[in-house]
Amino acid sequence: MPNIGPLEIIIVLVIVLLIFGPKRLPDIGKSLGRGMREFKDSVTGKDKHEDHSQLEEARAEAAPTVTPQATTEEEPARPASTANPTNAS
């Protein structure tokens, strides 16, 4: 099997550019990268849910717990008609 050199790679890239056009190439690259990442994660056994739960646990350990204080005076809700007064002149 012959080796693939830089000239062959350039030829393939030019053909891809002619077929798909410059507007669709970023979307194709993004989709290809996402697919490769998902494949790698499935092969290594990583899961998004596991990563998310580990991240949440790390945040919970690092962040101090803050309890919101209740305010004694709350502003009453205004009717919708008087929320934004406008000049009718």
Protein backbone atom coordinates (compact mmCIF):
# COMPACT_ATOMS: atom_id res chain seq x y z
CA MET A 1 0.00 0.00 0.00
CA PRO A 2 1.52 3.33 -1.03
CA ASN A 3 2.14 6.08 1.52
CA ILE A 4 -0.08 9.14 1.53
CA GLY A 5 2.07 12.22 1.03
CA PRO A 6 1.39 15.94 1.36
CA LEU A 7 0.45 16.26 -2.33
CA GLU A 8 -2.29 13.64 -2.00
CA ILE A 9 -3.66 15.32 1.14
CA ILE A 10 -3.78 18.70 -0.65
CA ILE A 11 -5.59 17.14 -3.61
CA VAL A 12 -8.18 15.55 -1.32
CA LEU A 13 -8.71 18.85 0.55
CA VAL A 14 -9.20 20.76 -2.73
CA ILE A 15 -11.75 18.20 -3.91
CA VAL A 16 -13.62 18.43 -0.60
CA LEU A 17 -13.59 22.24 -0.86
CA LEU A 18 -14.99 22.08 -4.39
CA ILE A 19 -17.72 19.60 -3.43
CA PHE A 20 -18.96 21.17 -0.19
CA GLY A 21 -17.96 24.81 -0.59
CA PRO A 22 -16.42 27.19 1.94
CA LYS A 23 -19.69 27.85 3.80
CA ARG A 24 -20.32 24.25 4.81
CA LEU A 25 -16.75 23.24 5.71
CA PRO A 26 -16.87 24.61 9.31
CA ASP A 27 -20.10 22.72 9.99
CA ILE A 28 -18.64 19.54 8.56
CA GLY A 29 -15.51 19.95 10.68
CA LYS A 30 -17.57 20.56 13.80
CA SER A 31 -19.71 17.49 13.15
CA LEU A 32 -16.66 15.36 12.43
CA GLY A 33 -14.96 16.52 15.65
CA ARG A 34 -18.10 15.86 17.71
CA GLY A 35 -18.42 12.38 16.22
CA MET A 36 -14.78 11.57 16.92
CA ARG A 37 -15.13 12.81 20.52
CA GLU A 38 -18.27 10.70 21.07
CA PHE A 39 -16.54 7.66 19.58
CA LYS A 40 -13.50 8.15 21.84
CA ASP A 41 -15.73 8.57 24.89
CA SER A 42 -17.67 5.42 24.05
CA VAL A 43 -14.47 3.41 23.56
CA THR A 44 -12.87 4.63 26.80
CA GLY A 45 -16.10 4.17 28.74
CA LYS A 46 -16.62 7.81 29.65
CA ASP A 47 -20.16 9.08 29.96
CA LYS A 48 -21.48 12.64 29.98
CA HIS A 49 -23.62 11.89 33.01
CA GLU A 50 -20.64 10.59 34.96
CA ASP A 51 -18.58 13.67 34.06
CA HIS A 52 -21.44 15.96 34.99
CA SER A 53 -22.00 14.30 38.37
CA GLN A 54 -18.28 14.41 39.16
CA LEU A 55 -18.18 18.09 38.26
CA GLU A 56 -21.19 18.84 40.46
CA GLU A 57 -19.58 17.00 43.40
CA ALA A 58 -16.36 18.97 42.97
CA ARG A 59 -18.29 22.24 42.86
CA ALA A 60 -20.27 21.32 45.96
CA GLU A 61 -17.09 20.55 47.89
CA ALA A 62 -15.31 23.71 46.75
CA ALA A 63 -18.17 26.20 47.13
CA PRO A 64 -19.30 27.33 50.57
CA THR A 65 -22.96 26.91 51.38
CA VAL A 66 -24.87 30.17 51.35
CA THR A 67 -28.42 30.44 52.57
CA PRO A 68 -30.51 33.28 51.17
CA GLN A 69 -31.98 35.60 53.78
CA ALA A 70 -35.65 36.41 53.59
CA THR A 71 -36.45 40.08 53.13
CA THR A 72 -39.03 41.58 55.42
CA GLU A 73 -40.30 44.16 52.93
CA GLU A 74 -41.06 42.99 49.45
CA GLU A 75 -42.14 45.34 46.73
CA PRO A 76 -45.74 44.67 45.72
CA ALA A 77 -46.33 43.66 42.14
CA ARG A 78 -47.55 46.47 39.92
CA PRO A 79 -50.41 46.00 37.49
CA ALA A 80 -49.28 45.59 33.88
CA SER A 81 -50.99 48.81 32.78
CA THR A 82 -48.90 50.99 35.12
CA ALA A 83 -45.60 49.09 34.83
CA ASN A 84 -44.32 51.24 31.95
CA PRO A 85 -46.09 54.62 31.85
CA THR A 86 -45.90 56.43 28.50
CA ASN A 87 -46.90 59.88 27.32
CA ALA A 88 -50.03 59.75 25.21
CA SER A 89 -49.52 63.29 23.78
